[in-house]
Structure formats: structure tokens, C-alpha cells
Amino acid sequence: MALNIDKEDRPGLYKSRATIEDFRKAEMIVCSNCGHIIARKGKKGVCFDVFDCSWKCENCGELWLSSDSWIRVGKILLAEH
């Protein structure tokens, strides 16, 4: 499944550099290259590892690291290049 994420600011969407709390609140991580969902929370209370983790997009092959620069848009995390 892929999402068409508009990277422009839109009224009503919270957008800022991601913090540890943002990784806890996020429901999914989306590839900034192609919009493919690369990670999704399964259980309530689970959070993405912000300190030592990586995600590979199965659609375009891009490797994303938890140390990359991330932004939160609503409940979605996107990596900034």
C-alpha cells in the first residue's frame, strides 16, 4: 500500500521535527521517496525504536535510519533528505 503524501504545509496538519515523543505517537512510517508505508504499529502501546533502528522500503529500496532527520505530519513520520 502506498500513500500520496503532500510534503507542502497544509492547514490543520501538525508538522515539526520529530522528537522521541513523536516516535511514540506515530502510527506509521512512510518512505519519503515513494510514499510506501515501511512500518506500522500493530499493538497499542508499542512505539518505534528511535535510538538504533533501520527500515528498508520494499518498494524503492531506500534504507531509512532512526538517526535520519524525521518530521511528524499528523500520525505519520517522514524522513527529510
PDB file of N, CA and C in Angstrom:
ATOM      1  N   MET A   1       0.843  -1.167   0.000  1.00  0.00           N
ATOM      2  CA  MET A   1       0.000   0.000   0.000  1.00  0.00           C
ATOM      3  C   MET A   1       0.891   1.234   0.000  1.00  0.00           C
ATOM      4  N   ALA A   2       0.537   2.229  -0.757  1.00  0.00           N
ATOM      5  CA  ALA A   2       1.298   3.481  -0.804  1.00  0.00           C
ATOM      6  C   ALA A   2       0.383   4.644  -0.471  1.00  0.00           C
ATOM      7  N   LEU A   3       0.934   5.642   0.143  1.00  0.00           N
ATOM      8  CA  LEU A   3       0.190   6.856   0.457  1.00  0.00           C
ATOM      9  C   LEU A   3       0.715   7.987  -0.392  1.00  0.00           C
ATOM     10  N   ASN A   4      -0.170   8.829  -0.841  1.00  0.00           N
ATOM     11  CA  ASN A   4       0.251  10.019  -1.566  1.00  0.00           C
ATOM     12  C   ASN A   4       0.354  11.145  -0.543  1.00  0.00           C
ATOM     13  N   ILE A   5       1.548  11.395  -0.061  1.00  0.00           N
ATOM     14  CA  ILE A   5       1.774  12.408   0.968  1.00  0.00           C
ATOM     15  C   ILE A   5       2.203  13.702   0.311  1.00  0.00           C
ATOM     16  N   ASP A   6       1.443  14.742   0.564  1.00  0.00           N
ATOM     17  CA  ASP A   6       1.798  16.073   0.080  1.00  0.00           C
ATOM     18  C   ASP A   6       2.780  16.663   1.079  1.00  0.00           C
ATOM     19  N   LYS A   7       3.996  16.936   0.666  1.00  0.00           N
ATOM     20  CA  LYS A   7       5.024  17.429   1.591  1.00  0.00           C
ATOM     21  C   LYS A   7       4.891  18.919   1.880  1.00  0.00           C
ATOM     22  N   GLU A   8       3.995  19.600   1.203  1.00  0.00           N
ATOM     23  CA  GLU A   8       3.767  21.015   1.471  1.00  0.00           C
ATOM     24  C   GLU A   8       2.968  21.164   2.759  1.00  0.00           C
ATOM     25  N   ASP A   9       3.162  22.282   3.458  1.00  0.00           N
ATOM     26  CA  ASP A   9       2.373  22.550   4.655  1.00  0.00           C
ATOM     27  C   ASP A   9       0.909  22.693   4.279  1.00  0.00           C
ATOM     28  N   ARG A  10       0.053  22.070   5.067  1.00  0.00           N
ATOM     29  CA  ARG A  10      -1.390  22.190   4.878  1.00  0.00           C
ATOM     30  C   ARG A  10      -2.000  22.656   6.183  1.00  0.00           C
ATOM     31  N   PRO A  11      -2.990  23.522   6.129  1.00  0.00           N
ATOM     32  CA  PRO A  11      -3.646  23.955   7.355  1.00  0.00           C
ATOM     33  C   PRO A  11      -4.227  22.758   8.096  1.00  0.00           C
ATOM     34  N   GLY A  12      -4.088  22.754   9.412  1.00  0.00           N
ATOM     35  CA  GLY A  12      -4.664  21.694  10.226  1.00  0.00           C
ATOM     36  C   GLY A  12      -3.749  20.505  10.451  1.00  0.00           C
ATOM     37  N   LEU A  13      -2.636  20.402   9.738  1.00  0.00           N
ATOM     38  CA  LEU A  13      -1.711  19.305   9.967  1.00  0.00           C
ATOM     39  C   LEU A  13      -0.540  19.805  10.805  1.00  0.00           C
ATOM     40  N   TYR A  14      -0.236  19.069  11.859  1.00  0.00           N
ATOM     41  CA  TYR A  14       0.883  19.408  12.717  1.00  0.00           C
ATOM     42  C   TYR A  14       2.153  18.895  12.048  1.00  0.00           C
ATOM     43  N   LYS A  15       3.118  19.756  11.847  1.00  0.00           N
ATOM     44  CA  LYS A  15       4.365  19.356  11.197  1.00  0.00           C
ATOM     45  C   LYS A  15       5.534  19.990  11.933  1.00  0.00           C
ATOM     46  N   SER A  16       6.453  19.168  12.390  1.00  0.00           N
ATOM     47  CA  SER A  16       7.645  19.673  13.074  1.00  0.00           C
ATOM     48  C   SER A  16       8.701  18.589  13.075  1.00  0.00           C
ATOM     49  N   ARG A  17       9.921  18.941  13.456  1.00  0.00           N
ATOM     50  CA  ARG A  17      10.983  17.944  13.553  1.00  0.00           C
ATOM     51  C   ARG A  17      10.590  16.946  14.635  1.00  0.00           C
ATOM     52  N   ALA A  18      10.716  15.668  14.330  1.00  0.00           N
ATOM     53  CA  ALA A  18      10.262  14.612  15.232  1.00  0.00           C
ATOM     54  C   ALA A  18      11.121  14.529  16.484  1.00  0.00           C
ATOM     55  N   THR A  19      10.453  14.313  17.601  1.00  0.00           N
ATOM     56  CA  THR A  19      11.102  14.102  18.895  1.00  0.00           C
ATOM     57  C   THR A  19      10.875  12.644  19.299  1.00  0.00           C
ATOM     58  N   ILE A  20      11.448  12.254  20.409  1.00  0.00           N
ATOM     59  CA  ILE A  20      11.218  10.900  20.916  1.00  0.00           C
ATOM     60  C   ILE A  20       9.725  10.675  21.135  1.00  0.00           C
ATOM     61  N   GLU A  21       9.031  11.669  21.635  1.00  0.00           N
ATOM     62  CA  GLU A  21       7.586  11.561  21.848  1.00  0.00           C
ATOM     63  C   GLU A  21       6.839  11.347  20.530  1.00  0.00           C
ATOM     64  N   ASP A  22       7.301  11.973  19.453  1.00  0.00           N
ATOM     65  CA  ASP A  22       6.673  11.778  18.146  1.00  0.00           C
ATOM     66  C   ASP A  22       6.787  10.325  17.685  1.00  0.00           C
ATOM     67  N   PHE A  23       7.933   9.684  17.967  1.00  0.00           N
ATOM     68  CA  PHE A  23       8.085   8.278  17.611  1.00  0.00           C
ATOM     69  C   PHE A  23       7.116   7.416  18.405  1.00  0.00           C
ATOM     70  N   ARG A  24       6.790   7.841  19.635  1.00  0.00           N
ATOM     71  CA  ARG A  24       5.812   7.105  20.447  1.00  0.00           C
ATOM     72  C   ARG A  24       4.398   7.295  19.907  1.00  0.00           C
ATOM     73  N   LYS A  25       4.081   8.487  19.422  1.00  0.00           N
ATOM     74  CA  LYS A  25       2.731   8.805  18.958  1.00  0.00           C
ATOM     75  C   LYS A  25       2.463   8.354  17.519  1.00  0.00           C
ATOM     76  N   ALA A  26       3.504   8.161  16.751  1.00  0.00           N
ATOM     77  CA  ALA A  26       3.331   7.838  15.328  1.00  0.00           C
ATOM     78  C   ALA A  26       2.653   6.484  15.148  1.00  0.00           C
ATOM     79  N   GLU A  27       1.786   6.404  14.156  1.00  0.00           N
ATOM     80  CA  GLU A  27       1.116   5.157  13.813  1.00  0.00           C
ATOM     81  C   GLU A  27       1.830   4.434  12.679  1.00  0.00           C
ATOM     82  N   MET A  28       2.540   5.198  11.827  1.00  0.00           N
ATOM     83  CA  MET A  28       3.247   4.569  10.708  1.00  0.00           C
ATOM     84  C   MET A  28       4.416   5.431  10.265  1.00  0.00           C
ATOM     85  N   ILE A  29       5.370   4.782   9.589  1.00  0.00           N
ATOM     86  CA  ILE A  29       6.496   5.461   8.972  1.00  0.00           C
ATOM     87  C   ILE A  29       6.359   5.262   7.472  1.00  0.00           C
ATOM     88  N   VAL A  30       6.474   6.364   6.740  1.00  0.00           N
ATOM     89  CA  VAL A  30       6.256   6.349   5.299  1.00  0.00           C
ATOM     90  C   VAL A  30       7.540   6.763   4.587  1.00  0.00           C
ATOM     91  N   CYS A  31       7.872   6.063   3.512  1.00  0.00           N
ATOM     92  CA  CYS A  31       9.050   6.382   2.710  1.00  0.00           C
ATOM     93  C   CYS A  31       8.859   7.750   2.053  1.00  0.00           C
ATOM     94  N   SER A  32       9.805   8.640   2.261  1.00  0.00           N
ATOM     95  CA  SER A  32       9.720   9.988   1.684  1.00  0.00           C
ATOM     96  C   SER A  32       9.987   9.984   0.180  1.00  0.00           C
ATOM     97  N   ASN A  33      10.606   8.915  -0.334  1.00  0.00           N
ATOM     98  CA  ASN A  33      10.877   8.834  -1.770  1.00  0.00           C
ATOM     99  C   ASN A  33       9.638   8.469  -2.566  1.00  0.00           C
ATOM    100  N   CYS A  34       8.930   7.410  -2.127  1.00  0.00           N
ATOM    101  CA  CYS A  34       7.845   6.877  -2.951  1.00  0.00           C
ATOM    102  C   CYS A  34       6.484   6.869  -2.278  1.00  0.00           C
ATOM    103  N   GLY A  35       6.408   7.175  -0.970  1.00  0.00           N
ATOM    104  CA  GLY A  35       5.127   7.208  -0.274  1.00  0.00           C
ATOM    105  C   GLY A  35       4.653   5.859   0.241  1.00  0.00           C
ATOM    106  N   HIS A  36       5.486   4.826   0.117  1.00  0.00           N
ATOM    107  CA  HIS A  36       5.132   3.480   0.565  1.00  0.00           C
ATOM    108  C   HIS A  36       5.215   3.402   2.091  1.00  0.00           C
ATOM    109  N   ILE A  37       4.269   2.717   2.718  1.00  0.00           N
ATOM    110  CA  ILE A  37       4.317   2.502   4.164  1.00  0.00           C
ATOM    111  C   ILE A  37       5.415   1.478   4.447  1.00  0.00           C
ATOM    112  N   ILE A  38       6.402   1.867   5.263  1.00  0.00           N
ATOM    113  CA  ILE A  38       7.519   0.958   5.536  1.00  0.00           C
ATOM    114  C   ILE A  38       7.460   0.367   6.941  1.00  0.00           C
ATOM    115  N   ALA A  39       6.663   0.945   7.823  1.00  0.00           N
ATOM    116  CA  ALA A  39       6.489   0.385   9.163  1.00  0.00           C
ATOM    117  C   ALA A  39       5.157   0.879   9.713  1.00  0.00           C
ATOM    118  N   ARG A  40       4.497  -0.003  10.450  1.00  0.00           N
ATOM    119  CA  ARG A  40       3.204   0.332  11.029  1.00  0.00           C
ATOM    120  C   ARG A  40       3.140  -0.303  12.417  1.00  0.00           C
ATOM    121  N   LYS A  41       2.566   0.435  13.366  1.00  0.00           N
ATOM    122  CA  LYS A  41       2.388  -0.114  14.701  1.00  0.00           C
ATOM    123  C   LYS A  41       1.283  -1.153  14.666  1.00  0.00           C
ATOM    124  N   GLY A  42       1.508  -2.231  15.364  1.00  0.00           N
ATOM    125  CA  GLY A  42       0.489  -3.271  15.420  1.00  0.00           C
ATOM    126  C   GLY A  42      -0.332  -3.220  16.685  1.00  0.00           C
ATOM    127  N   LYS A  43       0.323  -3.037  17.816  1.00  0.00           N
ATOM    128  CA  LYS A  43      -0.355  -3.074  19.109  1.00  0.00           C
ATOM    129  C   LYS A  43      -0.332  -1.700  19.759  1.00  0.00           C
ATOM    130  N   LYS A  44      -1.379  -1.415  20.510  1.00  0.00           N
ATOM    131  CA  LYS A  44      -1.417  -0.157  21.245  1.00  0.00           C
ATOM    132  C   LYS A  44      -0.335  -0.185  22.326  1.00  0.00           C
ATOM    133  N   GLY A  45       0.364   0.895  22.497  1.00  0.00           N
ATOM    134  CA  GLY A  45       1.420   0.983  23.496  1.00  0.00           C
ATOM    135  C   GLY A  45       2.806   0.677  22.954  1.00  0.00           C
ATOM    136  N   VAL A  46       2.874   0.118  21.767  1.00  0.00           N
ATOM    137  CA  VAL A  46       4.159  -0.158  21.134  1.00  0.00           C
ATOM    138  C   VAL A  46       4.656   1.126  20.493  1.00  0.00           C
ATOM    139  N   CYS A  47       5.979   1.350  20.471  1.00  0.00           N
ATOM    140  CA  CYS A  47       6.498   2.530  19.793  1.00  0.00           C
ATOM    141  C   CYS A  47       7.695   2.139  18.931  1.00  0.00           C
ATOM    142  N   PHE A  48       7.997   2.978  17.965  1.00  0.00           N
ATOM    143  CA  PHE A  48       9.139   2.746  17.101  1.00  0.00           C
ATOM    144  C   PHE A  48      10.418   3.064  17.867  1.00  0.00           C
ATOM    145  N   ASP A  49      11.469   2.279  17.635  1.00  0.00           N
ATOM    146  CA  ASP A  49      12.755   2.479  18.292  1.00  0.00           C
ATOM    147  C   ASP A  49      13.455   3.685  17.674  1.00  0.00           C
ATOM    148  N   VAL A  50      13.609   4.723  18.456  1.00  0.00           N
ATOM    149  CA  VAL A  50      14.198   5.956  17.953  1.00  0.00           C
ATOM    150  C   VAL A  50      15.721   5.942  18.028  1.00  0.00           C
ATOM    151  N   PHE A  51      16.303   5.022  18.779  1.00  0.00           N
ATOM    152  CA  PHE A  51      17.733   5.070  19.034  1.00  0.00           C
ATOM    153  C   PHE A  51      18.586   4.203  18.105  1.00  0.00           C
ATOM    154  N   ASP A  52      18.147   3.037  17.757  1.00  0.00           N
ATOM    155  CA  ASP A  52      19.004   2.149  16.969  1.00  0.00           C
ATOM    156  C   ASP A  52      18.141   1.244  16.093  1.00  0.00           C
ATOM    157  N   CYS A  53      17.630   1.789  15.030  1.00  0.00           N
ATOM    158  CA  CYS A  53      16.753   1.011  14.169  1.00  0.00           C
ATOM    159  C   CYS A  53      16.880   1.488  12.724  1.00  0.00           C
ATOM    160  N   SER A  54      16.535   0.620  11.799  1.00  0.00           N
ATOM    161  CA  SER A  54      16.506   0.998  10.386  1.00  0.00           C
ATOM    162  C   SER A  54      15.304   0.336   9.728  1.00  0.00           C
ATOM    163  N   TRP A  55      14.824   0.957   8.662  1.00  0.00           N
ATOM    164  CA  TRP A  55      13.695   0.444   7.901  1.00  0.00           C
ATOM    165  C   TRP A  55      14.054   0.527   6.428  1.00  0.00           C
ATOM    166  N   LYS A  56      13.822  -0.549   5.703  1.00  0.00           N
ATOM    167  CA  LYS A  56      14.090  -0.551   4.263  1.00  0.00           C
ATOM    168  C   LYS A  56      12.750  -0.548   3.533  1.00  0.00           C
ATOM    169  N   CYS A  57      12.606   0.355   2.583  1.00  0.00           N
ATOM    170  CA  CYS A  57      11.393   0.424   1.781  1.00  0.00           C
ATOM    171  C   CYS A  57      11.425  -0.729   0.776  1.00  0.00           C
ATOM    172  N   GLU A  58      10.430  -1.594   0.836  1.00  0.00           N
ATOM    173  CA  GLU A  58      10.366  -2.725  -0.081  1.00  0.00           C
ATOM    174  C   GLU A  58       9.965  -2.286  -1.488  1.00  0.00           C
ATOM    175  N   ASN A  59       9.446  -1.082  -1.612  1.00  0.00           N
ATOM    176  CA  ASN A  59       9.014  -0.584  -2.919  1.00  0.00           C
ATOM    177  C   ASN A  59      10.183   0.005  -3.716  1.00  0.00           C
ATOM    178  N   CYS A  60      10.957   0.925  -3.102  1.00  0.00           N
ATOM    179  CA  CYS A  60      12.032   1.600  -3.847  1.00  0.00           C
ATOM    180  C   CYS A  60      13.436   1.209  -3.375  1.00  0.00           C
ATOM    181  N   GLY A  61      13.535   0.490  -2.244  1.00  0.00           N
ATOM    182  CA  GLY A  61      14.831   0.022  -1.764  1.00  0.00           C
ATOM    183  C   GLY A  61      15.595   0.995  -0.883  1.00  0.00           C
ATOM    184  N   GLU A  62      15.032   2.189  -0.625  1.00  0.00           N
ATOM    185  CA  GLU A  62      15.707   3.191   0.226  1.00  0.00           C
ATOM    186  C   GLU A  62      15.814   2.672   1.659  1.00  0.00           C
ATOM    187  N   LEU A  63      16.974   2.878   2.292  1.00  0.00           N
ATOM    188  CA  LEU A  63      17.186   2.497   3.685  1.00  0.00           C
ATOM    189  C   LEU A  63      17.075   3.742   4.552  1.00  0.00           C
ATOM    190  N   TRP A  64      16.196   3.691   5.540  1.00  0.00           N
ATOM    191  CA  TRP A  64      15.983   4.811   6.457  1.00  0.00           C
ATOM    192  C   TRP A  64      16.489   4.423   7.835  1.00  0.00           C
ATOM    193  N   LEU A  65      17.191   5.328   8.494  1.00  0.00           N
ATOM    194  CA  LEU A  65      17.754   5.088   9.818  1.00  0.00           C
ATOM    195  C   LEU A  65      17.032   5.931  10.857  1.00  0.00           C
ATOM    196  N   SER A  66      16.973   5.428  12.086  1.00  0.00           N
ATOM    197  CA  SER A  66      16.355   6.215  13.150  1.00  0.00           C
ATOM    198  C   SER A  66      17.147   7.491  13.406  1.00  0.00           C
ATOM    199  N   SER A  67      18.416   7.522  13.002  1.00  0.00           N
ATOM    200  CA  SER A  67      19.245   8.719  13.187  1.00  0.00           C
ATOM    201  C   SER A  67      19.041   9.754  12.075  1.00  0.00           C
ATOM    202  N   ASP A  68      18.244   9.419  11.035  1.00  0.00           N
ATOM    203  CA  ASP A  68      17.932  10.402   9.987  1.00  0.00           C
ATOM    204  C   ASP A  68      17.114  11.539  10.581  1.00  0.00           C
ATOM    205  N   SER A  69      16.971  12.601   9.857  1.00  0.00           N
ATOM    206  CA  SER A  69      16.167  13.736  10.294  1.00  0.00           C
ATOM    207  C   SER A  69      14.709  13.461   9.930  1.00  0.00           C
ATOM    208  N   TRP A  70      13.851  13.351  10.932  1.00  0.00           N
ATOM    209  CA  TRP A  70      12.445  12.987  10.731  1.00  0.00           C
ATOM    210  C   TRP A  70      11.523  14.149  11.045  1.00  0.00           C
ATOM    211  N   ILE A  71      10.372  14.176  10.380  1.00  0.00           N
ATOM    212  CA  ILE A  71       9.308  15.128  10.722  1.00  0.00           C
ATOM    213  C   ILE A  71       8.035  14.325  10.953  1.00  0.00           C
ATOM    214  N   ARG A  72       7.158  14.866  11.791  1.00  0.00           N
ATOM    215  CA  ARG A  72       5.866  14.226  12.033  1.00  0.00           C
ATOM    216  C   ARG A  72       4.793  15.059  11.369  1.00  0.00           C
ATOM    217  N   VAL A  73       3.956  14.402  10.582  1.00  0.00           N
ATOM    218  CA  VAL A  73       2.787  15.037   9.961  1.00  0.00           C
ATOM    219  C   VAL A  73       1.600  14.228  10.438  1.00  0.00           C
ATOM    220  N   GLY A  74       0.830  14.783  11.372  1.00  0.00           N
ATOM    221  CA  GLY A  74      -0.251  14.006  11.972  1.00  0.00           C
ATOM    222  C   GLY A  74       0.328  12.822  12.707  1.00  0.00           C
ATOM    223  N   LYS A  75      -0.116  11.617  12.351  1.00  0.00           N
ATOM    224  CA  LYS A  75       0.399  10.400  12.980  1.00  0.00           C
ATOM    225  C   LYS A  75       1.373   9.658  12.068  1.00  0.00           C
ATOM    226  N   ILE A  76       1.930  10.374  11.096  1.00  0.00           N
ATOM    227  CA  ILE A  76       2.857   9.785  10.134  1.00  0.00           C
ATOM    228  C   ILE A  76       4.238  10.402  10.317  1.00  0.00           C
ATOM    229  N   LEU A  77       5.280   9.580  10.269  1.00  0.00           N
ATOM    230  CA  LEU A  77       6.655  10.058  10.297  1.00  0.00           C
ATOM    231  C   LEU A  77       7.236   9.975   8.893  1.00  0.00           C
ATOM    232  N   LEU A  78       7.911  11.046   8.467  1.00  0.00           N
ATOM    233  CA  LEU A  78       8.586  11.105   7.170  1.00  0.00           C
ATOM    234  C   LEU A  78      10.025  11.524   7.402  1.00  0.00           C
ATOM    235  N   ALA A  79      10.947  10.929   6.665  1.00  0.00           N
ATOM    236  CA  ALA A  79      12.352  11.335   6.749  1.00  0.00           C
ATOM    237  C   ALA A  79      12.600  12.499   5.825  1.00  0.00           C
ATOM    238  N   GLU A  80      13.393  13.459   6.303  1.00  0.00           N
ATOM    239  CA  GLU A  80      13.785  14.598   5.467  1.00  0.00           C
ATOM    240  C   GLU A  80      15.141  14.285   4.862  1.00  0.00           C
ATOM    241  N   HIS A  81      15.311  14.656   3.605  1.00  0.00           N
ATOM    242  CA  HIS A  81      16.620  14.498   2.948  1.00  0.00           C
ATOM    243  C   HIS A  81      17.399  15.776   3.080  1.00  0.00           C
TER     244      HIS A  81
END
